[in-house]
Amino acid sequence: WWTGSLSLLADALHSITDSANNVLGLITSRFSSPRPDRDH
């Protein structure tokens, strides 16, 4: 934002997906138990 660099802002957008991926991973890992149960 300070420099007005499009490529750097695009890189920041890419980093937003890094953080979103971590949140997604936390959610999916909670439900990804390898232990079987009645429904799975």
Full PDB file with SEQRES, HELIX, SHEET, SSBOND, CRYST1, ORIGX, SCALE, CONECT and MASTER records, all heavy atoms in Angstrom:
SEQRES   1 A   40  TRP TRP THR GLY SER LEU SER LEU LEU ALA ASP ALA LEU          
SEQRES   2 A   40  HIS SER ILE THR ASP SER ALA ASN ASN VAL LEU GLY LEU          
SEQRES   3 A   40  ILE THR SER ARG PHE SER SER PRO ARG PRO ASP ARG ASP          
SEQRES   4 A   40  HIS                                                          
HELIX    1 AA1 LEU A    6  ARG A   30  1                                  25    
CRYST1    1.000    1.000    1.000  90.00  90.00  90.00 P 1           1          
ORIGX1      1.000000  0.000000  0.000000        0.00000                         
ORIGX2      0.000000  1.000000  0.000000        0.00000                         
ORIGX3      0.000000  0.000000  1.000000        0.00000                         
SCALE1      1.000000  0.000000  0.000000        0.00000                         
SCALE2      0.000000  1.000000  0.000000        0.00000                         
SCALE3      0.000000  0.000000  1.000000        0.00000                         
ATOM      1  N   TRP A   1       0.823  -1.206   0.000  1.00  0.00           N  
ATOM      2  CA  TRP A   1       0.000   0.000   0.000  1.00  0.00           C  
ATOM      3  C   TRP A   1       0.854   1.250   0.000  1.00  0.00           C  
ATOM      4  O   TRP A   1       0.570   2.222  -0.693  1.00  0.00           O  
ATOM      5  CB  TRP A   1      -0.917  -0.037   1.221  1.00  0.00           C  
ATOM      6  CG  TRP A   1      -1.847   1.145   1.291  1.00  0.00           C  
ATOM      7  CD1 TRP A   1      -2.963   1.362   0.542  1.00  0.00           C  
ATOM      8  CD2 TRP A   1      -1.717   2.268   2.172  1.00  0.00           C  
ATOM      9  NE1 TRP A   1      -3.548   2.559   0.898  1.00  0.00           N  
ATOM     10  CE2 TRP A   1      -2.803   3.135   1.894  1.00  0.00           C  
ATOM     11  CE3 TRP A   1      -0.794   2.633   3.166  1.00  0.00           C  
ATOM     12  CZ2 TRP A   1      -2.993   4.336   2.585  1.00  0.00           C  
ATOM     13  CZ3 TRP A   1      -0.986   3.822   3.842  1.00  0.00           C  
ATOM     14  CH2 TRP A   1      -2.067   4.656   3.548  1.00  0.00           C  
ATOM     15  N   TRP A   2       1.955   1.244   0.785  1.00  0.00           N  
ATOM     16  CA  TRP A   2       2.855   2.397   0.833  1.00  0.00           C  
ATOM     17  C   TRP A   2       3.494   2.673  -0.526  1.00  0.00           C  
ATOM     18  O   TRP A   2       3.605   3.805  -0.963  1.00  0.00           O  
ATOM     19  CB  TRP A   2       3.965   2.153   1.860  1.00  0.00           C  
ATOM     20  CG  TRP A   2       3.555   2.430   3.271  1.00  0.00           C  
ATOM     21  CD1 TRP A   2       2.471   3.148   3.708  1.00  0.00           C  
ATOM     22  CD2 TRP A   2       4.220   1.977   4.452  1.00  0.00           C  
ATOM     23  NE1 TRP A   2       2.411   3.164   5.074  1.00  0.00           N  
ATOM     24  CE2 TRP A   2       3.481   2.461   5.574  1.00  0.00           C  
ATOM     25  CE3 TRP A   2       5.352   1.217   4.703  1.00  0.00           C  
ATOM     26  CZ2 TRP A   2       3.851   2.210   6.879  1.00  0.00           C  
ATOM     27  CZ3 TRP A   2       5.734   0.964   6.014  1.00  0.00           C  
ATOM     28  CH2 TRP A   2       4.975   1.449   7.082  1.00  0.00           C  
ATOM     29  N   THR A   3       3.939   1.606  -1.168  1.00  0.00           N  
ATOM     30  CA  THR A   3       4.717   1.765  -2.408  1.00  0.00           C  
ATOM     31  C   THR A   3       3.847   1.814  -3.657  1.00  0.00           C  
ATOM     32  O   THR A   3       4.305   2.256  -4.708  1.00  0.00           O  
ATOM     33  CB  THR A   3       5.718   0.614  -2.553  1.00  0.00           C  
ATOM     34  OG1 THR A   3       5.006  -0.642  -2.624  1.00  0.00           O  
ATOM     35  CG2 THR A   3       6.685   0.572  -1.369  1.00  0.00           C  
ATOM     36  N   GLY A   4       2.603   1.309  -3.577  1.00  0.00           N  
ATOM     37  CA  GLY A   4       1.749   1.230  -4.758  1.00  0.00           C  
ATOM     38  C   GLY A   4       2.119   0.092  -5.686  1.00  0.00           C  
ATOM     39  O   GLY A   4       1.802   0.135  -6.879  1.00  0.00           O  
ATOM     40  N   SER A   5       2.760  -0.940  -5.154  1.00  0.00           N  
ATOM     41  CA  SER A   5       3.222  -2.070  -5.978  1.00  0.00           C  
ATOM     42  C   SER A   5       2.104  -3.083  -6.181  1.00  0.00           C  
ATOM     43  O   SER A   5       1.603  -3.675  -5.220  1.00  0.00           O  
ATOM     44  CB  SER A   5       4.417  -2.750  -5.312  1.00  0.00           C  
ATOM     45  OG  SER A   5       4.715  -3.976  -5.951  1.00  0.00           O  
ATOM     46  N   LEU A   6       1.710  -3.288  -7.447  1.00  0.00           N  
ATOM     47  CA  LEU A   6       0.678  -4.275  -7.770  1.00  0.00           C  
ATOM     48  C   LEU A   6       1.158  -5.682  -7.467  1.00  0.00           C  
ATOM     49  O   LEU A   6       0.424  -6.496  -6.908  1.00  0.00           O  
ATOM     50  CB  LEU A   6       0.288  -4.154  -9.245  1.00  0.00           C  
ATOM     51  CG  LEU A   6      -0.677  -5.222  -9.766  1.00  0.00           C  
ATOM     52  CD1 LEU A   6      -2.019  -5.120  -9.072  1.00  0.00           C  
ATOM     53  CD2 LEU A   6      -0.843  -5.107 -11.274  1.00  0.00           C  
ATOM     54  N   SER A   7       2.405  -5.988  -7.846  1.00  0.00           N  
ATOM     55  CA  SER A   7       2.917  -7.351  -7.632  1.00  0.00           C  
ATOM     56  C   SER A   7       3.002  -7.674  -6.142  1.00  0.00           C  
ATOM     57  O   SER A   7       2.730  -8.804  -5.728  1.00  0.00           O  
ATOM     58  CB  SER A   7       4.286  -7.507  -8.296  1.00  0.00           C  
ATOM     59  OG  SER A   7       5.230  -6.589  -7.769  1.00  0.00           O  
ATOM     60  N   LEU A   8       3.347  -6.675  -5.325  1.00  0.00           N  
ATOM     61  CA  LEU A   8       3.437  -6.916  -3.879  1.00  0.00           C  
ATOM     62  C   LEU A   8       2.048  -7.050  -3.253  1.00  0.00           C  
ATOM     63  O   LEU A   8       1.839  -7.884  -2.367  1.00  0.00           O  
ATOM     64  CB  LEU A   8       4.222  -5.789  -3.202  1.00  0.00           C  
ATOM     65  CG  LEU A   8       4.555  -6.004  -1.718  1.00  0.00           C  
ATOM     66  CD1 LEU A   8       5.243  -7.343  -1.505  1.00  0.00           C  
ATOM     67  CD2 LEU A   8       5.422  -4.863  -1.202  1.00  0.00           C  
ATOM     68  N   LEU A   9       1.080  -6.258  -3.722  1.00  0.00           N  
ATOM     69  CA  LEU A   9      -0.289  -6.417  -3.240  1.00  0.00           C  
ATOM     70  C   LEU A   9      -0.859  -7.772  -3.651  1.00  0.00           C  
ATOM     71  O   LEU A   9      -1.609  -8.404  -2.904  1.00  0.00           O  
ATOM     72  CB  LEU A   9      -1.170  -5.287  -3.788  1.00  0.00           C  
ATOM     73  CG  LEU A   9      -0.931  -3.903  -3.168  1.00  0.00           C  
ATOM     74  CD1 LEU A   9      -1.730  -2.837  -3.919  1.00  0.00           C  
ATOM     75  CD2 LEU A   9      -1.286  -3.899  -1.683  1.00  0.00           C  
ATOM     76  N   ALA A  10      -0.483  -8.242  -4.868  1.00  0.00           N  
ATOM     77  CA  ALA A  10      -0.892  -9.579  -5.305  1.00  0.00           C  
ATOM     78  C   ALA A  10      -0.272 -10.644  -4.415  1.00  0.00           C  
ATOM     79  O   ALA A  10      -0.907 -11.641  -4.072  1.00  0.00           O  
ATOM     80  CB  ALA A  10      -0.483  -9.800  -6.759  1.00  0.00           C  
ATOM     81  N   ASP A  11       0.978 -10.419  -4.035  1.00  0.00           N  
ATOM     82  CA  ASP A  11       1.658 -11.350  -3.132  1.00  0.00           C  
ATOM     83  C   ASP A  11       0.973 -11.355  -1.766  1.00  0.00           C  
ATOM     84  O   ASP A  11       0.832 -12.406  -1.128  1.00  0.00           O  
ATOM     85  CB  ASP A  11       3.123 -10.934  -3.005  1.00  0.00           C  
ATOM     86  CG  ASP A  11       3.977 -12.011  -2.367  1.00  0.00           C  
ATOM     87  OD1 ASP A  11       3.486 -13.152  -2.224  1.00  0.00           O  
ATOM     88  OD2 ASP A  11       5.136 -11.729  -2.022  1.00  0.00           O  
ATOM     89  N   ALA A  12       0.522 -10.178  -1.310  1.00  0.00           N  
ATOM     90  CA  ALA A  12      -0.208 -10.109  -0.042  1.00  0.00           C  
ATOM     91  C   ALA A  12      -1.524 -10.873  -0.139  1.00  0.00           C  
ATOM     92  O   ALA A  12      -1.937 -11.553   0.810  1.00  0.00           O  
ATOM     93  CB  ALA A  12      -0.470  -8.652   0.333  1.00  0.00           C  
ATOM     94  N   LEU A  13      -2.180 -10.779  -1.299  1.00  0.00           N  
ATOM     95  CA  LEU A  13      -3.411 -11.544  -1.520  1.00  0.00           C  
ATOM     96  C   LEU A  13      -3.136 -13.038  -1.436  1.00  0.00           C  
ATOM     97  O   LEU A  13      -3.913 -13.804  -0.860  1.00  0.00           O  
ATOM     98  CB  LEU A  13      -4.000 -11.185  -2.880  1.00  0.00           C  
ATOM     99  CG  LEU A  13      -5.266 -11.938  -3.305  1.00  0.00           C  
ATOM    100  CD1 LEU A  13      -6.406 -11.638  -2.349  1.00  0.00           C  
ATOM    101  CD2 LEU A  13      -5.653 -11.570  -4.730  1.00  0.00           C  
ATOM    102  N   HIS A  14      -2.014 -13.444  -2.011  1.00  0.00           N  
ATOM    103  CA  HIS A  14      -1.613 -14.849  -1.926  1.00  0.00           C  
ATOM    104  C   HIS A  14      -1.415 -15.255  -0.475  1.00  0.00           C  
ATOM    105  O   HIS A  14      -1.780 -16.365  -0.061  1.00  0.00           O  
ATOM    106  CB  HIS A  14      -0.334 -15.057  -2.737  1.00  0.00           C  
ATOM    107  CG  HIS A  14       0.036 -16.488  -2.924  1.00  0.00           C  
ATOM    108  ND1 HIS A  14       1.334 -16.919  -3.008  1.00  0.00           N  
ATOM    109  CD2 HIS A  14      -0.721 -17.602  -3.031  1.00  0.00           C  
ATOM    110  CE1 HIS A  14       1.362 -18.225  -3.175  1.00  0.00           C  
ATOM    111  NE2 HIS A  14       0.122 -18.666  -3.190  1.00  0.00           N  
ATOM    112  N   SER A  15      -0.845 -14.359   0.331  1.00  0.00           N  
ATOM    113  CA  SER A  15      -0.620 -14.654   1.748  1.00  0.00           C  
ATOM    114  C   SER A  15      -1.929 -14.727   2.525  1.00  0.00           C  
ATOM    115  O   SER A  15      -2.011 -15.423   3.540  1.00  0.00           O  
ATOM    116  CB  SER A  15       0.303 -13.601   2.363  1.00  0.00           C  
ATOM    117  OG  SER A  15       1.590 -13.665   1.792  1.00  0.00           O  
ATOM    118  N   ILE A  16      -2.956 -13.990   2.054  1.00  0.00           N  
ATOM    119  CA  ILE A  16      -4.277 -14.117   2.690  1.00  0.00           C  
ATOM    120  C   ILE A  16      -4.783 -15.546   2.558  1.00  0.00           C  
ATOM    121  O   ILE A  16      -5.354 -16.116   3.488  1.00  0.00           O  
ATOM    122  CB  ILE A  16      -5.272 -13.125   2.056  1.00  0.00           C  
ATOM    123  CG1 ILE A  16      -4.915 -11.697   2.447  1.00  0.00           C  
ATOM    124  CG2 ILE A  16      -6.705 -13.439   2.495  1.00  0.00           C  
ATOM    125  CD1 ILE A  16      -5.777 -10.646   1.786  1.00  0.00           C  
ATOM    126  N   THR A  17      -4.546 -16.149   1.373  1.00  0.00           N  
ATOM    127  CA  THR A  17      -4.975 -17.538   1.194  1.00  0.00           C  
ATOM    128  C   THR A  17      -4.174 -18.475   2.085  1.00  0.00           C  
ATOM    129  O   THR A  17      -4.680 -19.506   2.512  1.00  0.00           O  
ATOM    130  CB  THR A  17      -4.835 -17.974  -0.278  1.00  0.00           C  
ATOM    131  OG1 THR A  17      -3.462 -17.985  -0.659  1.00  0.00           O  
ATOM    132  CG2 THR A  17      -5.599 -17.052  -1.204  1.00  0.00           C  
ATOM    133  N   ASP A  18      -2.910 -18.127   2.391  1.00  0.00           N  
ATOM    134  CA  ASP A  18      -2.131 -18.936   3.344  1.00  0.00           C  
ATOM    135  C   ASP A  18      -2.860 -19.003   4.685  1.00  0.00           C  
ATOM    136  O   ASP A  18      -3.015 -20.076   5.268  1.00  0.00           O  
ATOM    137  CB  ASP A  18      -0.735 -18.331   3.546  1.00  0.00           C  
ATOM    138  CG  ASP A  18       0.207 -18.639   2.399  1.00  0.00           C  
ATOM    139  OD1 ASP A  18       0.054 -19.707   1.785  1.00  0.00           O  
ATOM    140  OD2 ASP A  18       1.090 -17.817   2.126  1.00  0.00           O  
ATOM    141  N   SER A  19      -3.264 -17.838   5.183  1.00  0.00           N  
ATOM    142  CA  SER A  19      -3.948 -17.789   6.472  1.00  0.00           C  
ATOM    143  C   SER A  19      -5.295 -18.505   6.412  1.00  0.00           C  
ATOM    144  O   SER A  19      -5.662 -19.241   7.335  1.00  0.00           O  
ATOM    145  CB  SER A  19      -4.154 -16.329   6.899  1.00  0.00           C  
ATOM    146  OG  SER A  19      -2.911 -15.653   6.975  1.00  0.00           O  
ATOM    147  N   ALA A  20      -6.028 -18.290   5.312  1.00  0.00           N  
ATOM    148  CA  ALA A  20      -7.321 -18.968   5.159  1.00  0.00           C  
ATOM    149  C   ALA A  20      -7.140 -20.479   5.109  1.00  0.00           C  
ATOM    150  O   ALA A  20      -7.949 -21.237   5.648  1.00  0.00           O  
ATOM    151  CB  ALA A  20      -8.015 -18.474   3.890  1.00  0.00           C  
ATOM    152  N   ASN A  21      -6.063 -20.927   4.469  1.00  0.00           N  
ATOM    153  CA  ASN A  21      -5.773 -22.360   4.392  1.00  0.00           C  
ATOM    154  C   ASN A  21      -5.493 -22.936   5.770  1.00  0.00           C  
ATOM    155  O   ASN A  21      -5.882 -24.073   6.076  1.00  0.00           O  
ATOM    156  CB  ASN A  21      -4.579 -22.609   3.478  1.00  0.00           C  
ATOM    157  CG  ASN A  21      -4.873 -22.235   2.044  1.00  0.00           C  
ATOM    158  OD1 ASN A  21      -6.019 -22.195   1.632  1.00  0.00           O  
ATOM    159  ND2 ASN A  21      -3.834 -21.942   1.288  1.00  0.00           N  
ATOM    160  N   ASN A  22      -4.788 -22.176   6.603  1.00  0.00           N  
ATOM    161  CA  ASN A  22      -4.513 -22.646   7.958  1.00  0.00           C  
ATOM    162  C   ASN A  22      -5.811 -22.816   8.742  1.00  0.00           C  
ATOM    163  O   ASN A  22      -5.993 -23.810   9.454  1.00  0.00           O  
ATOM    164  CB  ASN A  22      -3.599 -21.659   8.686  1.00  0.00           C  
ATOM    165  CG  ASN A  22      -2.212 -21.571   8.091  1.00  0.00           C  
ATOM    166  OD1 ASN A  22      -1.604 -20.513   8.089  1.00  0.00           O  
ATOM    167  ND2 ASN A  22      -1.705 -22.672   7.572  1.00  0.00           N  
ATOM    168  N   VAL A  23      -6.718 -21.842   8.616  1.00  0.00           N  
ATOM    169  CA  VAL A  23      -8.016 -21.932   9.292  1.00  0.00           C  
ATOM    170  C   VAL A  23      -8.797 -23.136   8.765  1.00  0.00           C  
ATOM    171  O   VAL A  23      -9.389 -23.903   9.531  1.00  0.00           O  
ATOM    172  CB  VAL A  23      -8.815 -20.634   9.090  1.00  0.00           C  
ATOM    173  CG1 VAL A  23     -10.219 -20.785   9.667  1.00  0.00           C  
ATOM    174  CG2 VAL A  23      -8.097 -19.461   9.739  1.00  0.00           C  
ATOM    175  N   LEU A  24      -8.793 -23.305   7.433  1.00  0.00           N  
ATOM    176  CA  LEU A  24      -9.467 -24.452   6.828  1.00  0.00           C  
ATOM    177  C   LEU A  24      -8.873 -25.765   7.332  1.00  0.00           C  
ATOM    178  O   LEU A  24      -9.585 -26.721   7.642  1.00  0.00           O  
ATOM    179  CB  LEU A  24      -9.344 -24.378   5.307  1.00  0.00           C  
ATOM    180  CG  LEU A  24      -9.960 -25.530   4.508  1.00  0.00           C  
ATOM    181  CD1 LEU A  24     -11.469 -25.585   4.717  1.00  0.00           C  
ATOM    182  CD2 LEU A  24      -9.638 -25.372   3.034  1.00  0.00           C  
ATOM    183  N   GLY A  25      -7.553 -25.803   7.433  1.00  0.00           N  
ATOM    184  CA  GLY A  25      -6.891 -27.008   7.934  1.00  0.00           C  
ATOM    185  C   GLY A  25      -7.263 -27.316   9.371  1.00  0.00           C  
ATOM    186  O   GLY A  25      -7.454 -28.479   9.738  1.00  0.00           O  
ATOM    187  N   LEU A  26      -7.383 -26.270  10.205  1.00  0.00           N  
ATOM    188  CA  LEU A  26      -7.784 -26.472  11.595  1.00  0.00           C  
ATOM    189  C   LEU A  26      -9.196 -27.056  11.682  1.00  0.00           C  
ATOM    190  O   LEU A  26      -9.477 -27.926  12.508  1.00  0.00           O  
ATOM    191  CB  LEU A  26      -7.716 -25.149  12.353  1.00  0.00           C  
ATOM    192  CG  LEU A  26      -6.313 -24.633  12.679  1.00  0.00           C  
ATOM    193  CD1 LEU A  26      -6.372 -23.192  13.159  1.00  0.00           C  
ATOM    194  CD2 LEU A  26      -5.642 -25.516  13.723  1.00  0.00           C  
ATOM    195  N   ILE A  27     -10.077 -26.578  10.794  1.00  0.00           N  
ATOM    196  CA  ILE A  27     -11.452 -27.084  10.791  1.00  0.00           C  
ATOM    197  C   ILE A  27     -11.504 -28.532  10.337  1.00  0.00           C  
ATOM    198  O   ILE A  27     -12.131 -29.390  10.968  1.00  0.00           O  
ATOM    199  CB  ILE A  27     -12.339 -26.198   9.892  1.00  0.00           C  
ATOM    200  CG1 ILE A  27     -12.456 -24.797  10.489  1.00  0.00           C  
ATOM    201  CG2 ILE A  27     -13.734 -26.819   9.724  1.00  0.00           C  
ATOM    202  CD1 ILE A  27     -13.145 -23.804   9.577  1.00  0.00           C  
ATOM    203  N   THR A  28     -10.821 -28.834   9.207  1.00  0.00           N  
ATOM    204  CA  THR A  28     -10.881 -30.191   8.668  1.00  0.00           C  
ATOM    205  C   THR A  28     -10.169 -31.194   9.559  1.00  0.00           C  
ATOM    206  O   THR A  28     -10.613 -32.338   9.683  1.00  0.00           O  
ATOM    207  CB  THR A  28     -10.274 -30.241   7.258  1.00  0.00           C  
ATOM    208  OG1 THR A  28      -8.925 -29.739   7.294  1.00  0.00           O  
ATOM    209  CG2 THR A  28     -11.083 -29.430   6.280  1.00  0.00           C  
ATOM    210  N   SER A  29      -9.066 -30.794  10.194  1.00  0.00           N  
ATOM    211  CA  SER A  29      -8.350 -31.737  11.053  1.00  0.00           C  
ATOM    212  C   SER A  29      -9.184 -32.133  12.268  1.00  0.00           C  
ATOM    213  O   SER A  29      -9.025 -33.218  12.813  1.00  0.00           O  
ATOM    214  CB  SER A  29      -7.008 -31.145  11.506  1.00  0.00           C  
ATOM    215  OG  SER A  29      -7.212 -30.051  12.388  1.00  0.00           O  
ATOM    216  N   ARG A  30     -10.084 -31.233  12.667  1.00  0.00           N  
ATOM    217  CA  ARG A  30     -10.960 -31.556  13.801  1.00  0.00           C  
ATOM    218  C   ARG A  30     -11.910 -32.698  13.459  1.00  0.00           C  
ATOM    219  O   ARG A  30     -12.296 -33.496  14.320  1.00  0.00           O  
ATOM    220  CB  ARG A  30     -11.754 -30.312  14.202  1.00  0.00           C  
ATOM    221  CG  ARG A  30     -12.699 -30.546  15.378  1.00  0.00           C  
ATOM    222  CD  ARG A  30     -13.383 -29.268  15.808  1.00  0.00           C  
ATOM    223  NE  ARG A  30     -14.288 -29.504  16.923  1.00  0.00           N  
ATOM    224  CZ  ARG A  30     -13.932 -29.560  18.197  1.00  0.00           C  
ATOM    225  NH1 ARG A  30     -12.663 -29.410  18.518  1.00  0.00           N  
ATOM    226  NH2 ARG A  30     -14.819 -29.772  19.154  1.00  0.00           N  
ATOM    227  N   PHE A  31     -12.296 -32.782  12.180  1.00  0.00           N  
ATOM    228  CA  PHE A  31     -13.266 -33.789  11.765  1.00  0.00           C  
ATOM    229  C   PHE A  31     -12.625 -34.977  11.036  1.00  0.00           C  
ATOM    230  O   PHE A  31     -13.333 -35.842  10.540  1.00  0.00           O  
ATOM    231  CB  PHE A  31     -14.318 -33.157  10.839  1.00  0.00           C  
ATOM    232  CG  PHE A  31     -15.139 -32.099  11.510  1.00  0.00           C  
ATOM    233  CD1 PHE A  31     -14.888 -30.761  11.275  1.00  0.00           C  
ATOM    234  CD2 PHE A  31     -16.154 -32.446  12.382  1.00  0.00           C  
ATOM    235  CE1 PHE A  31     -15.647 -29.772  11.887  1.00  0.00           C  
ATOM    236  CE2 PHE A  31     -16.921 -31.461  13.006  1.00  0.00           C  
ATOM    237  CZ  PHE A  31     -16.655 -30.123  12.758  1.00  0.00           C  
ATOM    238  N   SER A  32     -11.293 -35.025  10.988  1.00  0.00           N  
ATOM    239  CA  SER A  32     -10.641 -36.060  10.179  1.00  0.00           C  
ATOM    240  C   SER A  32     -10.057 -37.192  11.014  1.00  0.00           C  
ATOM    241  O   SER A  32      -8.974 -37.693  10.731  1.00  0.00           O  
ATOM    242  CB  SER A  32      -9.530 -35.430   9.335  1.00  0.00           C  
ATOM    243  OG  SER A  32      -8.534 -34.870  10.172  1.00  0.00           O  
ATOM    244  N   SER A  33     -10.761 -37.602  12.048  1.00  0.00           N  
ATOM    245  CA  SER A  33     -10.273 -38.688  12.895  1.00  0.00           C  
ATOM    246  C   SER A  33     -10.122 -39.986  12.096  1.00  0.00           C  
ATOM    247  O   SER A  33     -11.010 -40.355  11.324  1.00  0.00           O  
ATOM    248  CB  SER A  33     -11.239 -38.936  14.053  1.00  0.00           C  
ATOM    249  OG  SER A  33     -10.881 -40.106  14.751  1.00  0.00           O  
ATOM    250  N   PRO A  34      -8.974 -40.684  12.246  1.00  0.00           N  
ATOM    251  CA  PRO A  34      -8.810 -41.962  11.557  1.00  0.00           C  
ATOM    252  C   PRO A  34      -9.593 -43.098  12.216  1.00  0.00           C  
ATOM    253  O   PRO A  34      -9.706 -44.184  11.652  1.00  0.00           O  
ATOM    254  CB  PRO A  34      -7.297 -42.219  11.654  1.00  0.00           C  
ATOM    255  CG  PRO A  34      -6.892 -41.547  12.917  1.00  0.00           C  
ATOM    256  CD  PRO A  34      -7.763 -40.311  13.014  1.00  0.00           C  
ATOM    257  N   ARG A  35     -10.126 -42.855  13.408  1.00  0.00           N  
ATOM    258  CA  ARG A  35     -10.833 -43.914  14.136  1.00  0.00           C  
ATOM    259  C   ARG A  35     -12.257 -44.076  13.597  1.00  0.00           C  
ATOM    260  O   ARG A  35     -12.989 -43.096  13.477  1.00  0.00           O  
ATOM    261  CB  ARG A  35     -10.846 -43.600  15.627  1.00  0.00           C  
ATOM    262  CG  ARG A  35      -9.453 -43.394  16.199  1.00  0.00           C  
ATOM    263  CD  ARG A  35      -9.468 -43.224  17.695  1.00  0.00           C  
ATOM    264  NE  ARG A  35      -8.132 -42.890  18.185  1.00  0.00           N  
ATOM    265  CZ  ARG A  35      -7.161 -43.775  18.371  1.00  0.00           C  
ATOM    266  NH1 ARG A  35      -7.398 -45.048  18.102  1.00  0.00           N  
ATOM    267  NH2 ARG A  35      -5.978 -43.404  18.812  1.00  0.00           N  
ATOM    268  N   PRO A  36     -12.651 -45.304  13.277  1.00  0.00           N  
ATOM    269  CA  PRO A  36     -13.993 -45.530  12.730  1.00  0.00           C  
ATOM    270  C   PRO A  36     -15.067 -45.369  13.798  1.00  0.00           C  
ATOM    271  O   PRO A  36     -14.809 -45.498  14.993  1.00  0.00           O  
ATOM    272  CB  PRO A  36     -13.927 -46.981  12.239  1.00  0.00           C  
ATOM    273  CG  PRO A  36     -12.872 -47.622  13.096  1.00  0.00           C  
ATOM    274  CD  PRO A  36     -11.866 -46.548  13.386  1.00  0.00           C  
ATOM    275  N   ASP A  37     -16.272 -45.055  13.347  1.00  0.00           N  
ATOM    276  CA  ASP A  37     -17.416 -45.041  14.240  1.00  0.00           C  
ATOM    277  C   ASP A  37     -18.622 -45.580  13.467  1.00  0.00           C  
ATOM    278  O   ASP A  37     -18.479 -46.031  12.328  1.00  0.00           O  
ATOM    279  CB  ASP A  37     -17.681 -43.637  14.807  1.00  0.00           C  
ATOM    280  CG  ASP A  37     -17.893 -42.593  13.721  1.00  0.00           C  
ATOM    281  OD1 ASP A  37     -18.407 -42.943  12.634  1.00  0.00           O  
ATOM    282  OD2 ASP A  37     -17.546 -41.425  13.950  1.00  0.00           O  
ATOM    283  N   ARG A  38     -19.797 -45.524  14.070  1.00  0.00           N  
ATOM    284  CA  ARG A  38     -20.984 -46.112  13.444  1.00  0.00           C  
ATOM    285  C   ARG A  38     -21.309 -45.458  12.098  1.00  0.00           C  
ATOM    286  O   ARG A  38     -21.639 -46.146  11.131  1.00  0.00           O  
ATOM    287  CB  ARG A  38     -22.182 -45.975  14.396  1.00  0.00           C  
ATOM    288  CG  ARG A  38     -23.480 -46.537  13.831  1.00  0.00           C  
ATOM    289  CD  ARG A  38     -24.630 -46.318  14.808  1.00  0.00           C  
ATOM    290  NE  ARG A  38     -25.886 -46.746  14.211  1.00  0.00           N  
ATOM    291  CZ  ARG A  38     -26.337 -48.001  14.242  1.00  0.00           C  
ATOM    292  NH1 ARG A  38     -25.623 -48.947  14.830  1.00  0.00           N  
ATOM    293  NH2 ARG A  38     -27.489 -48.308  13.680  1.00  0.00           N  
ATOM    294  N   ASP A  39     -21.210 -44.145  12.041  1.00  0.00           N  
ATOM    295  CA  ASP A  39     -21.568 -43.430  10.817  1.00  0.00           C  
ATOM    296  C   ASP A  39     -20.445 -43.413   9.781  1.00  0.00           C  
ATOM    297  O   ASP A  39     -20.701 -43.215   8.597  1.00  0.00           O  
ATOM    298  CB  ASP A  39     -21.974 -41.985  11.145  1.00  0.00           C  
ATOM    299  CG  ASP A  39     -23.240 -41.927  11.979  1.00  0.00           C  
ATOM    300  OD1 ASP A  39     -24.113 -42.797  11.779  1.00  0.00           O  
ATOM    301  OD2 ASP A  39     -23.341 -41.024  12.839  1.00  0.00           O  
ATOM    302  N   HIS A  40     -19.210 -43.573  10.227  1.00  0.00           N  
ATOM    303  CA  HIS A  40     -18.054 -43.557   9.323  1.00  0.00           C  
ATOM    304  C   HIS A  40     -17.152 -44.758   9.647  1.00  0.00           C  
ATOM    305  O   HIS A  40     -16.111 -44.620  10.293  1.00  0.00           O  
ATOM    306  CB  HIS A  40     -17.254 -42.258   9.476  1.00  0.00           C  
ATOM    307  CG  HIS A  40     -18.064 -41.028   9.202  1.00  0.00           C  
ATOM    308  ND1 HIS A  40     -18.836 -40.421  10.166  1.00  0.00           N  
ATOM    309  CD2 HIS A  40     -18.232 -40.313   8.063  1.00  0.00           C  
ATOM    310  CE1 HIS A  40     -19.435 -39.358   9.637  1.00  0.00           C  
ATOM    311  NE2 HIS A  40     -19.087 -39.275   8.362  1.00  0.00           N  
TER     312      HIS A  40                                                      
MASTER        0    0    0    1    0    0    0    6  311    1    0    4          
END                                                                             
